[in-house]
Amino acid sequence: MSYCRWSSMGFQCDLYVYDHVEGGLFVGVAANRQKHTEPYPQYDFKNLTDESVKAIQEAQDKWNEEKVVEPINLPHAGEKYWGLSREDAITLLTELRHLGYIFPDDLIDVLRRELEDGES
């Protein structure tokens, strides 16, 4: 299960966090951030037609082409952590949050709830 990906939060997430197949959590910390002048295009995906899907794809492609990629100049940028327990992941994510990394506000709370429910 993925908790967040680089594409989360309109491609503004600095972390990729998921349950690894070999056990524990994987936390990947981005080395770069995408900067955009416009927010990620949002659409109502109900009643899609071939034309509307094409228009959505074109708008998203245009948005992606206009990005500027900037390095993240913080400790842990570009690092990967494998096999973390939820407790260790919470400790790491708390540190990353204090350093200024961007990721979903509820991620640490979700892992805390899972830890309380007995997941390791």
PDB file of N, CA and C in Angstrom:
ATOM      1  N   MET A   1       0.845  -1.182   0.000  1.00  0.00           N
ATOM      2  CA  MET A   1       0.000   0.000   0.000  1.00  0.00           C
ATOM      3  C   MET A   1       0.885   1.238   0.000  1.00  0.00           C
ATOM      4  N   SER A   2       0.524   2.203  -0.813  1.00  0.00           N
ATOM      5  CA  SER A   2       1.245   3.471  -0.882  1.00  0.00           C
ATOM      6  C   SER A   2       0.529   4.507  -0.006  1.00  0.00           C
ATOM      7  N   TYR A   3       1.293   5.182   0.817  1.00  0.00           N
ATOM      8  CA  TYR A   3       0.743   6.234   1.676  1.00  0.00           C
ATOM      9  C   TYR A   3       0.819   7.589   0.982  1.00  0.00           C
ATOM     10  N   CYS A   4       1.883   7.816   0.232  1.00  0.00           N
ATOM     11  CA  CYS A   4       2.007   9.020  -0.594  1.00  0.00           C
ATOM     12  C   CYS A   4       3.065   8.744  -1.651  1.00  0.00           C
ATOM     13  N   ARG A   5       2.953   9.485  -2.736  1.00  0.00           N
ATOM     14  CA  ARG A   5       3.871   9.356  -3.869  1.00  0.00           C
ATOM     15  C   ARG A   5       4.335  10.744  -4.278  1.00  0.00           C
ATOM     16  N   TRP A   6       5.351  10.768  -5.139  1.00  0.00           N
ATOM     17  CA  TRP A   6       5.819  12.061  -5.650  1.00  0.00           C
ATOM     18  C   TRP A   6       4.657  12.833  -6.284  1.00  0.00           C
ATOM     19  N   SER A   7       3.696  12.127  -6.865  1.00  0.00           N
ATOM     20  CA  SER A   7       2.584  12.785  -7.556  1.00  0.00           C
ATOM     21  C   SER A   7       1.469  13.230  -6.602  1.00  0.00           C
ATOM     22  N   SER A   8       1.559  12.845  -5.336  1.00  0.00           N
ATOM     23  CA  SER A   8       0.537  13.264  -4.372  1.00  0.00           C
ATOM     24  C   SER A   8       0.547  14.782  -4.232  1.00  0.00           C
ATOM     25  N   MET A   9      -0.577  15.303  -3.834  1.00  0.00           N
ATOM     26  CA  MET A   9      -0.703  16.737  -3.572  1.00  0.00           C
ATOM     27  C   MET A   9      -0.380  17.560  -4.832  1.00  0.00           C
ATOM     28  N   GLY A  10      -0.831  17.099  -5.980  1.00  0.00           N
ATOM     29  CA  GLY A  10      -0.560  17.831  -7.221  1.00  0.00           C
ATOM     30  C   GLY A  10       0.917  17.895  -7.548  1.00  0.00           C
ATOM     31  N   PHE A  11       1.612  16.776  -7.367  1.00  0.00           N
ATOM     32  CA  PHE A  11       3.043  16.650  -7.644  1.00  0.00           C
ATOM     33  C   PHE A  11       3.900  17.537  -6.745  1.00  0.00           C
ATOM     34  N   GLN A  12       3.414  17.827  -5.559  1.00  0.00           N
ATOM     35  CA  GLN A  12       4.175  18.659  -4.628  1.00  0.00           C
ATOM     36  C   GLN A  12       4.722  17.872  -3.450  1.00  0.00           C
ATOM     37  N   CYS A  13       4.530  16.567  -3.414  1.00  0.00           N
ATOM     38  CA  CYS A  13       4.965  15.733  -2.298  1.00  0.00           C
ATOM     39  C   CYS A  13       6.447  15.393  -2.436  1.00  0.00           C
ATOM     40  N   ASP A  14       7.189  15.552  -1.340  1.00  0.00           N
ATOM     41  CA  ASP A  14       8.619  15.266  -1.333  1.00  0.00           C
ATOM     42  C   ASP A  14       8.945  13.825  -0.959  1.00  0.00           C
ATOM     43  N   LEU A  15       7.950  13.022  -0.643  1.00  0.00           N
ATOM     44  CA  LEU A  15       8.194  11.662  -0.181  1.00  0.00           C
ATOM     45  C   LEU A  15       7.426  10.635  -1.000  1.00  0.00           C
ATOM     46  N   TYR A  16       7.976   9.435  -1.025  1.00  0.00           N
ATOM     47  CA  TYR A  16       7.274   8.266  -1.542  1.00  0.00           C
ATOM     48  C   TYR A  16       7.333   7.251  -0.403  1.00  0.00           C
ATOM     49  N   VAL A  17       6.176   6.921   0.170  1.00  0.00           N
ATOM     50  CA  VAL A  17       6.112   6.048   1.333  1.00  0.00           C
ATOM     51  C   VAL A  17       5.148   4.908   1.031  1.00  0.00           C
ATOM     52  N   TYR A  18       5.631   3.676   1.210  1.00  0.00           N
ATOM     53  CA  TYR A  18       4.765   2.526   0.972  1.00  0.00           C
ATOM     54  C   TYR A  18       5.212   1.334   1.795  1.00  0.00           C
ATOM     55  N   ASP A  19       4.287   0.373   1.958  1.00  0.00           N
ATOM     56  CA  ASP A  19       4.601  -0.909   2.577  1.00  0.00           C
ATOM     57  C   ASP A  19       5.427  -1.704   1.580  1.00  0.00           C
ATOM     58  N   HIS A  20       6.635  -2.085   1.972  1.00  0.00           N
ATOM     59  CA  HIS A  20       7.516  -2.808   1.060  1.00  0.00           C
ATOM     60  C   HIS A  20       7.188  -4.299   1.086  1.00  0.00           C
ATOM     61  N   VAL A  21       7.286  -4.925  -0.058  1.00  0.00           N
ATOM     62  CA  VAL A  21       6.954  -6.339  -0.197  1.00  0.00           C
ATOM     63  C   VAL A  21       7.819  -7.225   0.704  1.00  0.00           C
ATOM     64  N   GLU A  22       9.027  -6.798   1.011  1.00  0.00           N
ATOM     65  CA  GLU A  22       9.916  -7.591   1.863  1.00  0.00           C
ATOM     66  C   GLU A  22       9.751  -7.261   3.347  1.00  0.00           C
ATOM     67  N   GLY A  23       8.786  -6.422   3.669  1.00  0.00           N
ATOM     68  CA  GLY A  23       8.506  -6.077   5.056  1.00  0.00           C
ATOM     69  C   GLY A  23       8.908  -4.662   5.402  1.00  0.00           C
ATOM     70  N   GLY A  24       8.188  -4.094   6.329  1.00  0.00           N
ATOM     71  CA  GLY A  24       8.466  -2.732   6.767  1.00  0.00           C
ATOM     72  C   GLY A  24       8.055  -1.694   5.742  1.00  0.00           C
ATOM     73  N   LEU A  25       8.363  -0.471   6.067  1.00  0.00           N
ATOM     74  CA  LEU A  25       8.015   0.650   5.199  1.00  0.00           C
ATOM     75  C   LEU A  25       9.231   1.125   4.415  1.00  0.00           C
ATOM     76  N   PHE A  26       8.984   1.569   3.211  1.00  0.00           N
ATOM     77  CA  PHE A  26       9.986   2.249   2.396  1.00  0.00           C
ATOM     78  C   PHE A  26       9.668   3.735   2.447  1.00  0.00           C
ATOM     79  N   VAL A  27      10.686   4.552   2.664  1.00  0.00           N
ATOM     80  CA  VAL A  27      10.541   6.006   2.591  1.00  0.00           C
ATOM     81  C   VAL A  27      11.615   6.515   1.633  1.00  0.00           C
ATOM     82  N   GLY A  28      11.179   7.070   0.529  1.00  0.00           N
ATOM     83  CA  GLY A  28      12.081   7.712  -0.420  1.00  0.00           C
ATOM     84  C   GLY A  28      11.928   9.215  -0.287  1.00  0.00           C
ATOM     85  N   VAL A  29      13.040   9.904  -0.135  1.00  0.00           N
ATOM     86  CA  VAL A  29      13.027  11.358   0.032  1.00  0.00           C
ATOM     87  C   VAL A  29      13.494  11.982  -1.279  1.00  0.00           C
ATOM     88  N   ALA A  30      12.711  12.883  -1.809  1.00  0.00           N
ATOM     89  CA  ALA A  30      13.043  13.510  -3.091  1.00  0.00           C
ATOM     90  C   ALA A  30      14.336  14.313  -2.991  1.00  0.00           C
ATOM     91  N   ALA A  31      15.050  14.364  -4.089  1.00  0.00           N
ATOM     92  CA  ALA A  31      16.246  15.194  -4.185  1.00  0.00           C
ATOM     93  C   ALA A  31      15.921  16.536  -4.823  1.00  0.00           C
ATOM     94  N   ASN A  32      14.772  16.581  -5.530  1.00  0.00           N
ATOM     95  CA  ASN A  32      14.365  17.783  -6.257  1.00  0.00           C
ATOM     96  C   ASN A  32      12.888  18.057  -6.033  1.00  0.00           C
ATOM     97  N   ARG A  33      12.504  19.301  -6.285  1.00  0.00           N
ATOM     98  CA  ARG A  33      11.086  19.692  -6.232  1.00  0.00           C
ATOM     99  C   ARG A  33      10.697  20.328  -7.555  1.00  0.00           C
ATOM    100  N   GLN A  34       9.478  20.031  -7.963  1.00  0.00           N
ATOM    101  CA  GLN A  34       8.911  20.711  -9.128  1.00  0.00           C
ATOM    102  C   GLN A  34       8.304  22.033  -8.668  1.00  0.00           C
ATOM    103  N   LYS A  35       8.568  23.072  -9.416  1.00  0.00           N
ATOM    104  CA  LYS A  35       7.955  24.377  -9.153  1.00  0.00           C
ATOM    105  C   LYS A  35       7.101  24.740 -10.360  1.00  0.00           C
ATOM    106  N   HIS A  36       5.902  25.220 -10.079  1.00  0.00           N
ATOM    107  CA  HIS A  36       4.956  25.571 -11.140  1.00  0.00           C
ATOM    108  C   HIS A  36       4.372  26.947 -10.860  1.00  0.00           C
ATOM    109  N   THR A  37       4.007  27.640 -11.926  1.00  0.00           N
ATOM    110  CA  THR A  37       3.338  28.928 -11.751  1.00  0.00           C
ATOM    111  C   THR A  37       1.842  28.754 -11.565  1.00  0.00           C
ATOM    112  N   GLU A  38       1.318  27.610 -12.003  1.00  0.00           N
ATOM    113  CA  GLU A  38      -0.111  27.321 -11.898  1.00  0.00           C
ATOM    114  C   GLU A  38      -0.319  26.040 -11.095  1.00  0.00           C
ATOM    115  N   PRO A  39      -1.450  25.913 -10.393  1.00  0.00           N
ATOM    116  CA  PRO A  39      -1.726  24.656  -9.688  1.00  0.00           C
ATOM    117  C   PRO A  39      -1.999  23.524 -10.683  1.00  0.00           C
ATOM    118  N   TYR A  40      -1.859  22.300 -10.212  1.00  0.00           N
ATOM    119  CA  TYR A  40      -2.115  21.136 -11.045  1.00  0.00           C
ATOM    120  C   TYR A  40      -3.555  21.170 -11.542  1.00  0.00           C
ATOM    121  N   PRO A  41      -3.784  20.932 -12.840  1.00  0.00           N
ATOM    122  CA  PRO A  41      -5.154  20.973 -13.383  1.00  0.00           C
ATOM    123  C   PRO A  41      -6.067  19.953 -12.703  1.00  0.00           C
ATOM    124  N   GLN A  42      -7.184  20.406 -12.220  1.00  0.00           N
ATOM    125  CA  GLN A  42      -8.170  19.538 -11.575  1.00  0.00           C
ATOM    126  C   GLN A  42      -9.405  19.454 -12.469  1.00  0.00           C
ATOM    127  N   TYR A  43      -9.970  18.270 -12.541  1.00  0.00           N
ATOM    128  CA  TYR A  43     -11.117  18.050 -13.421  1.00  0.00           C
ATOM    129  C   TYR A  43     -12.129  17.151 -12.748  1.00  0.00           C
ATOM    130  N   ASP A  44     -13.364  17.285 -13.194  1.00  0.00           N
ATOM    131  CA  ASP A  44     -14.426  16.366 -12.784  1.00  0.00           C
ATOM    132  C   ASP A  44     -14.359  15.185 -13.747  1.00  0.00           C
ATOM    133  N   PHE A  45     -14.081  14.026 -13.229  1.00  0.00           N
ATOM    134  CA  PHE A  45     -13.890  12.863 -14.084  1.00  0.00           C
ATOM    135  C   PHE A  45     -15.168  12.066 -14.313  1.00  0.00           C
ATOM    136  N   LYS A  46     -16.312  12.661 -14.026  1.00  0.00           N
ATOM    137  CA  LYS A  46     -17.588  12.006 -14.313  1.00  0.00           C
ATOM    138  C   LYS A  46     -17.969  12.285 -15.771  1.00  0.00           C
ATOM    139  N   ASN A  47     -18.617  11.334 -16.378  1.00  0.00           N
ATOM    140  CA  ASN A  47     -19.121  11.483 -17.746  1.00  0.00           C
ATOM    141  C   ASN A  47     -18.030  11.858 -18.745  1.00  0.00           C
ATOM    142  N   LEU A  48     -16.940  11.151 -18.700  1.00  0.00           N
ATOM    143  CA  LEU A  48     -15.834  11.436 -19.616  1.00  0.00           C
ATOM    144  C   LEU A  48     -16.173  11.012 -21.036  1.00  0.00           C
ATOM    145  N   THR A  49     -15.685  11.793 -21.975  1.00  0.00           N
ATOM    146  CA  THR A  49     -15.784  11.457 -23.392  1.00  0.00           C
ATOM    147  C   THR A  49     -14.363  11.373 -23.931  1.00  0.00           C
ATOM    148  N   ASP A  50     -14.211  10.858 -25.132  1.00  0.00           N
ATOM    149  CA  ASP A  50     -12.877  10.805 -25.736  1.00  0.00           C
ATOM    150  C   ASP A  50     -12.282  12.208 -25.845  1.00  0.00           C
ATOM    151  N   GLU A  51     -13.118  13.184 -26.199  1.00  0.00           N
ATOM    152  CA  GLU A  51     -12.641  14.566 -26.339  1.00  0.00           C
ATOM    153  C   GLU A  51     -12.220  15.157 -24.996  1.00  0.00           C
ATOM    154  N   SER A  52     -13.007  14.900 -23.947  1.00  0.00           N
ATOM    155  CA  SER A  52     -12.658  15.474 -22.643  1.00  0.00           C
ATOM    156  C   SER A  52     -11.398  14.821 -22.071  1.00  0.00           C
ATOM    157  N   VAL A  53     -11.225  13.521 -22.297  1.00  0.00           N
ATOM    158  CA  VAL A  53     -10.013  12.839 -21.834  1.00  0.00           C
ATOM    159  C   VAL A  53      -8.797  13.418 -22.546  1.00  0.00           C
ATOM    160  N   LYS A  54      -8.917  13.642 -23.841  1.00  0.00           N
ATOM    161  CA  LYS A  54      -7.813  14.223 -24.606  1.00  0.00           C
ATOM    162  C   LYS A  54      -7.493  15.629 -24.097  1.00  0.00           C
ATOM    163  N   ALA A  55      -8.508  16.424 -23.814  1.00  0.00           N
ATOM    164  CA  ALA A  55      -8.293  17.787 -23.309  1.00  0.00           C
ATOM    165  C   ALA A  55      -7.618  17.766 -21.936  1.00  0.00           C
ATOM    166  N   ILE A  56      -8.027  16.843 -21.085  1.00  0.00           N
ATOM    167  CA  ILE A  56      -7.415  16.708 -19.760  1.00  0.00           C
ATOM    168  C   ILE A  56      -5.942  16.330 -19.904  1.00  0.00           C
ATOM    169  N   GLN A  57      -5.663  15.347 -20.749  1.00  0.00           N
ATOM    170  CA  GLN A  57      -4.278  14.915 -20.949  1.00  0.00           C
ATOM    171  C   GLN A  57      -3.418  16.045 -21.505  1.00  0.00           C
ATOM    172  N   GLU A  58      -3.950  16.802 -22.443  1.00  0.00           N
ATOM    173  CA  GLU A  58      -3.192  17.918 -23.022  1.00  0.00           C
ATOM    174  C   GLU A  58      -2.907  18.995 -21.978  1.00  0.00           C
ATOM    175  N   ALA A  59      -3.902  19.314 -21.144  1.00  0.00           N
ATOM    176  CA  ALA A  59      -3.703  20.325 -20.095  1.00  0.00           C
ATOM    177  C   ALA A  59      -2.670  19.856 -19.075  1.00  0.00           C
ATOM    178  N   GLN A  60      -2.738  18.589 -18.695  1.00  0.00           N
ATOM    179  CA  GLN A  60      -1.768  18.061 -17.738  1.00  0.00           C
ATOM    180  C   GLN A  60      -0.368  17.997 -18.347  1.00  0.00           C
ATOM    181  N   ASP A  61      -0.261  17.624 -19.600  1.00  0.00           N
ATOM    182  CA  ASP A  61       1.036  17.592 -20.284  1.00  0.00           C
ATOM    183  C   ASP A  61       1.630  19.005 -20.362  1.00  0.00           C
ATOM    184  N   LYS A  62       0.802  19.984 -20.708  1.00  0.00           N
ATOM    185  CA  LYS A  62       1.273  21.374 -20.790  1.00  0.00           C
ATOM    186  C   LYS A  62       1.755  21.851 -19.426  1.00  0.00           C
ATOM    187  N   TRP A  63       0.998  21.531 -18.388  1.00  0.00           N
ATOM    188  CA  TRP A  63       1.367  21.923 -17.027  1.00  0.00           C
ATOM    189  C   TRP A  63       2.717  21.299 -16.668  1.00  0.00           C
ATOM    190  N   ASN A  64       2.896  20.036 -17.005  1.00  0.00           N
ATOM    191  CA  ASN A  64       4.128  19.340 -16.669  1.00  0.00           C
ATOM    192  C   ASN A  64       5.329  19.885 -17.447  1.00  0.00           C
ATOM    193  N   GLU A  65       5.115  20.274 -18.685  1.00  0.00           N
ATOM    194  CA  GLU A  65       6.199  20.827 -19.498  1.00  0.00           C
ATOM    195  C   GLU A  65       6.693  22.164 -18.963  1.00  0.00           C
ATOM    196  N   GLU A  66       5.832  22.901 -18.277  1.00  0.00           N
ATOM    197  CA  GLU A  66       6.186  24.243 -17.802  1.00  0.00           C
ATOM    198  C   GLU A  66       6.846  24.242 -16.425  1.00  0.00           C
ATOM    199  N   LYS A  67       7.161  23.085 -15.898  1.00  0.00           N
ATOM    200  CA  LYS A  67       7.749  23.010 -14.570  1.00  0.00           C
ATOM    201  C   LYS A  67       9.218  23.423 -14.582  1.00  0.00           C
ATOM    202  N   VAL A  68       9.647  23.844 -13.422  1.00  0.00           N
ATOM    203  CA  VAL A  68      11.063  24.092 -13.166  1.00  0.00           C
ATOM    204  C   VAL A  68      11.440  23.136 -12.047  1.00  0.00           C
ATOM    205  N   VAL A  69      12.547  22.439 -12.196  1.00  0.00           N
ATOM    206  CA  VAL A  69      12.993  21.501 -11.177  1.00  0.00           C
ATOM    207  C   VAL A  69      14.140  22.139 -10.400  1.00  0.00           C
ATOM    208  N   GLU A  70      13.957  22.184  -9.082  1.00  0.00           N
ATOM    209  CA  GLU A  70      14.972  22.788  -8.217  1.00  0.00           C
ATOM    210  C   GLU A  70      15.443  21.755  -7.198  1.00  0.00           C
ATOM    211  N   PRO A  71      16.735  21.739  -6.888  1.00  0.00           N
ATOM    212  CA  PRO A  71      17.221  20.797  -5.882  1.00  0.00           C
ATOM    213  C   PRO A  71      16.683  21.143  -4.502  1.00  0.00           C
ATOM    214  N   ILE A  72      16.465  20.121  -3.693  1.00  0.00           N
ATOM    215  CA  ILE A  72      16.089  20.317  -2.296  1.00  0.00           C
ATOM    216  C   ILE A  72      17.392  20.349  -1.502  1.00  0.00           C
ATOM    217  N   ASN A  73      17.677  21.469  -0.905  1.00  0.00           N
ATOM    218  CA  ASN A  73      18.921  21.637  -0.150  1.00  0.00           C
ATOM    219  C   ASN A  73      18.668  21.466   1.339  1.00  0.00           C
ATOM    220  N   LEU A  74      18.241  20.269   1.700  1.00  0.00           N
ATOM    221  CA  LEU A  74      17.973  19.922   3.092  1.00  0.00           C
ATOM    222  C   LEU A  74      18.659  18.601   3.409  1.00  0.00           C
ATOM    223  N   PRO A  75      18.972  18.354   4.682  1.00  0.00           N
ATOM    224  CA  PRO A  75      19.492  17.034   5.041  1.00  0.00           C
ATOM    225  C   PRO A  75      18.513  15.939   4.599  1.00  0.00           C
ATOM    226  N   HIS A  76      19.017  14.814   4.201  1.00  0.00           N
ATOM    227  CA  HIS A  76      18.271  13.616   3.787  1.00  0.00           C
ATOM    228  C   HIS A  76      17.757  13.670   2.343  1.00  0.00           C
ATOM    229  N   ALA A  77      17.953  14.785   1.636  1.00  0.00           N
ATOM    230  CA  ALA A  77      17.478  14.864   0.246  1.00  0.00           C
ATOM    231  C   ALA A  77      18.103  13.746  -0.575  1.00  0.00           C
ATOM    232  N   GLY A  78      17.254  13.009  -1.287  1.00  0.00           N
ATOM    233  CA  GLY A  78      17.699  11.929  -2.149  1.00  0.00           C
ATOM    234  C   GLY A  78      17.939  10.602  -1.443  1.00  0.00           C
ATOM    235  N   GLU A  79      17.732  10.552  -0.144  1.00  0.00           N
ATOM    236  CA  GLU A  79      17.991   9.315   0.598  1.00  0.00           C
ATOM    237  C   GLU A  79      16.795   8.364   0.528  1.00  0.00           C
ATOM    238  N   LYS A  80      17.092   7.078   0.732  1.00  0.00           N
ATOM    239  CA  LYS A  80      16.063   6.028   0.732  1.00  0.00           C
ATOM    240  C   LYS A  80      16.225   5.206   1.998  1.00  0.00           C
ATOM    241  N   TYR A  81      15.095   4.845   2.592  1.00  0.00           N
ATOM    242  CA  TYR A  81      15.084   4.066   3.824  1.00  0.00           C
ATOM    243  C   TYR A  81      14.200   2.840   3.607  1.00  0.00           C
ATOM    244  N   TRP A  82      14.744   1.654   3.875  1.00  0.00           N
ATOM    245  CA  TRP A  82      14.050   0.394   3.619  1.00  0.00           C
ATOM    246  C   TRP A  82      13.750  -0.326   4.927  1.00  0.00           C
ATOM    247  N   GLY A  83      12.639  -1.016   4.977  1.00  0.00           N
ATOM    248  CA  GLY A  83      12.335  -1.910   6.085  1.00  0.00           C
ATOM    249  C   GLY A  83      12.089  -1.232   7.412  1.00  0.00           C
ATOM    250  N   LEU A  84      11.619   0.005   7.391  1.00  0.00           N
ATOM    251  CA  LEU A  84      11.371   0.726   8.636  1.00  0.00           C
ATOM    252  C   LEU A  84      10.132   0.207   9.353  1.00  0.00           C
ATOM    253  N   SER A  85      10.212   0.092  10.652  1.00  0.00           N
ATOM    254  CA  SER A  85       9.003  -0.155  11.439  1.00  0.00           C
ATOM    255  C   SER A  85       8.164   1.112  11.390  1.00  0.00           C
ATOM    256  N   ARG A  86       6.899   1.010  11.748  1.00  0.00           N
ATOM    257  CA  ARG A  86       6.065   2.210  11.778  1.00  0.00           C
ATOM    258  C   ARG A  86       6.611   3.217  12.792  1.00  0.00           C
ATOM    259  N   GLU A  87       7.093   2.715  13.914  1.00  0.00           N
ATOM    260  CA  GLU A  87       7.654   3.608  14.931  1.00  0.00           C
ATOM    261  C   GLU A  87       8.874   4.363  14.385  1.00  0.00           C
ATOM    262  N   ASP A  88       9.778   3.659  13.714  1.00  0.00           N
ATOM    263  CA  ASP A  88      10.953   4.309  13.127  1.00  0.00           C
ATOM    264  C   ASP A  88      10.554   5.274  12.004  1.00  0.00           C
ATOM    265  N   ALA A  89       9.543   4.893  11.227  1.00  0.00           N
ATOM    266  CA  ALA A  89       9.071   5.769  10.157  1.00  0.00           C
ATOM    267  C   ALA A  89       8.477   7.053  10.738  1.00  0.00           C
ATOM    268  N   ILE A  90       7.715   6.941  11.819  1.00  0.00           N
ATOM    269  CA  ILE A  90       7.134   8.121  12.468  1.00  0.00           C
ATOM    270  C   ILE A  90       8.242   9.052  12.945  1.00  0.00           C
ATOM    271  N   THR A  91       9.281   8.487  13.530  1.00  0.00           N
ATOM    272  CA  THR A  91      10.418   9.301  13.992  1.00  0.00           C
ATOM    273  C   THR A  91      11.073  10.019  12.819  1.00  0.00           C
ATOM    274  N   LEU A  92      11.324   9.292  11.733  1.00  0.00           N
ATOM    275  CA  LEU A  92      11.938   9.894  10.547  1.00  0.00           C
ATOM    276  C   LEU A  92      11.039  10.965   9.946  1.00  0.00           C
ATOM    277  N   LEU A  93       9.756  10.659   9.781  1.00  0.00           N
ATOM    278  CA  LEU A  93       8.836  11.623   9.166  1.00  0.00           C
ATOM    279  C   LEU A  93       8.696  12.881  10.026  1.00  0.00           C
ATOM    280  N   THR A  94       8.719  12.725  11.333  1.00  0.00           N
ATOM    281  CA  THR A  94       8.652  13.890  12.218  1.00  0.00           C
ATOM    282  C   THR A  94       9.877  14.778  11.994  1.00  0.00           C
ATOM    283  N   GLU A  95      11.049  14.156  11.884  1.00  0.00           N
ATOM    284  CA  GLU A  95      12.266  14.930  11.604  1.00  0.00           C
ATOM    285  C   GLU A  95      12.175  15.620  10.243  1.00  0.00           C
ATOM    286  N   LEU A  96      11.711  14.875   9.221  1.00  0.00           N
ATOM    287  CA  LEU A  96      11.598  15.452   7.881  1.00  0.00           C
ATOM    288  C   LEU A  96      10.626  16.626   7.862  1.00  0.00           C
ATOM    289  N   ARG A  97       9.527  16.507   8.597  1.00  0.00           N
ATOM    290  CA  ARG A  97       8.548  17.606   8.682  1.00  0.00           C
ATOM    291  C   ARG A  97       9.213  18.849   9.282  1.00  0.00           C
ATOM    292  N   HIS A  98       9.976  18.664  10.361  1.00  0.00           N
ATOM    293  CA  HIS A  98      10.642  19.805  11.015  1.00  0.00           C
ATOM    294  C   HIS A  98      11.704  20.437  10.124  1.00  0.00           C
ATOM    295  N   LEU A  99      12.295  19.632   9.241  1.00  0.00           N
ATOM    296  CA  LEU A  99      13.303  20.163   8.330  1.00  0.00           C
ATOM    297  C   LEU A  99      12.690  20.955   7.176  1.00  0.00           C
ATOM    298  N   GLY A 100      11.388  20.742   6.923  1.00  0.00           N
ATOM    299  CA  GLY A 100      10.719  21.492   5.861  1.00  0.00           C
ATOM    300  C   GLY A 100      10.271  20.675   4.672  1.00  0.00           C
ATOM    301  N   TYR A 101      10.307  19.354   4.775  1.00  0.00           N
ATOM    302  CA  TYR A 101       9.812  18.528   3.673  1.00  0.00           C
ATOM    303  C   TYR A 101       8.294  18.609   3.602  1.00  0.00           C
ATOM    304  N   ILE A 102       7.782  18.481   2.388  1.00  0.00           N
ATOM    305  CA  ILE A 102       6.353  18.601   2.119  1.00  0.00           C
ATOM    306  C   ILE A 102       5.783  17.207   1.879  1.00  0.00           C
ATOM    307  N   PHE A 103       4.749  16.862   2.643  1.00  0.00           N
ATOM    308  CA  PHE A 103       4.030  15.600   2.461  1.00  0.00           C
ATOM    309  C   PHE A 103       2.676  15.733   3.140  1.00  0.00           C
ATOM    310  N   PRO A 104       1.741  14.803   2.875  1.00  0.00           N
ATOM    311  CA  PRO A 104       0.383  14.956   3.418  1.00  0.00           C
ATOM    312  C   PRO A 104       0.378  15.168   4.932  1.00  0.00           C
ATOM    313  N   ASP A 105      -0.422  16.122   5.378  1.00  0.00           N
ATOM    314  CA  ASP A 105      -0.500  16.491   6.787  1.00  0.00           C
ATOM    315  C   ASP A 105      -0.869  15.327   7.684  1.00  0.00           C
ATOM    316  N   ASP A 106      -1.679  14.392   7.191  1.00  0.00           N
ATOM    317  CA  ASP A 106      -2.167  13.311   8.043  1.00  0.00           C
ATOM    318  C   ASP A 106      -1.304  12.049   8.008  1.00  0.00           C
ATOM    319  N   LEU A 107      -0.204  12.052   7.265  1.00  0.00           N
ATOM    320  CA  LEU A 107       0.598  10.836   7.109  1.00  0.00           C
ATOM    321  C   LEU A 107       1.097  10.290   8.447  1.00  0.00           C
ATOM    322  N   ILE A 108       1.645  11.126   9.290  1.00  0.00           N
ATOM    323  CA  ILE A 108       2.158  10.673  10.576  1.00  0.00           C
ATOM    324  C   ILE A 108       1.015  10.141  11.441  1.00  0.00           C
ATOM    325  N   ASP A 109      -0.125  10.815  11.430  1.00  0.00           N
ATOM    326  CA  ASP A 109      -1.281  10.354  12.208  1.00  0.00           C
ATOM    327  C   ASP A 109      -1.779   8.991  11.727  1.00  0.00           C
ATOM    328  N   VAL A 110      -1.787   8.769  10.430  1.00  0.00           N
ATOM    329  CA  VAL A 110      -2.209   7.481   9.882  1.00  0.00           C
ATOM    330  C   VAL A 110      -1.287   6.373  10.391  1.00  0.00           C
ATOM    331  N   LEU A 111       0.012   6.603  10.352  1.00  0.00           N
ATOM    332  CA  LEU A 111       0.964   5.594  10.829  1.00  0.00           C
ATOM    333  C   LEU A 111       0.837   5.382  12.333  1.00  0.00           C
ATOM    334  N   ARG A 112       0.570   6.442  13.088  1.00  0.00           N
ATOM    335  CA  ARG A 112       0.359   6.303  14.538  1.00  0.00           C
ATOM    336  C   ARG A 112      -0.862   5.430  14.832  1.00  0.00           C
ATOM    337  N   ARG A 113      -1.951   5.655  14.080  1.00  0.00           N
ATOM    338  CA  ARG A 113      -3.162   4.842  14.274  1.00  0.00           C
ATOM    339  C   ARG A 113      -2.879   3.380  13.954  1.00  0.00           C
ATOM    340  N   GLU A 114      -2.145   3.137  12.886  1.00  0.00           N
ATOM    341  CA  GLU A 114      -1.807   1.759  12.533  1.00  0.00           C
ATOM    342  C   GLU A 114      -0.934   1.119  13.607  1.00  0.00           C
ATOM    343  N   LEU A 115      -0.022   1.879  14.167  1.00  0.00           N
ATOM    344  CA  LEU A 115       0.835   1.364  15.238  1.00  0.00           C
ATOM    345  C   LEU A 115       0.000   1.015  16.465  1.00  0.00           C
ATOM    346  N   GLU A 116      -0.963   1.884  16.794  1.00  0.00           N
ATOM    347  CA  GLU A 116      -1.858   1.623  17.919  1.00  0.00           C
ATOM    348  C   GLU A 116      -2.725   0.389  17.682  1.00  0.00           C
ATOM    349  N   ASP A 117      -3.044   0.137  16.406  1.00  0.00           N
ATOM    350  CA  ASP A 117      -3.866  -1.031  16.046  1.00  0.00           C
ATOM    351  C   ASP A 117      -3.045  -2.309  15.942  1.00  0.00           C
ATOM    352  N   GLY A 118      -1.751  -2.224  16.252  1.00  0.00           N
ATOM    353  CA  GLY A 118      -0.920  -3.408  16.296  1.00  0.00           C
ATOM    354  C   GLY A 118      -0.115  -3.728  15.059  1.00  0.00           C
ATOM    355  N   GLU A 119      -0.109  -2.839  14.074  1.00  0.00           N
ATOM    356  CA  GLU A 119       0.730  -3.083  12.896  1.00  0.00           C
ATOM    357  C   GLU A 119       2.150  -2.666  13.228  1.00  0.00           C
ATOM    358  N   SER A 120       3.105  -3.410  12.726  1.00  0.00           N
ATOM    359  CA  SER A 120       4.506  -3.080  13.055  1.00  0.00           C
ATOM    360  C   SER A 120       5.186  -2.244  11.994  1.00  0.00           C
TER     361      SER A 120
END
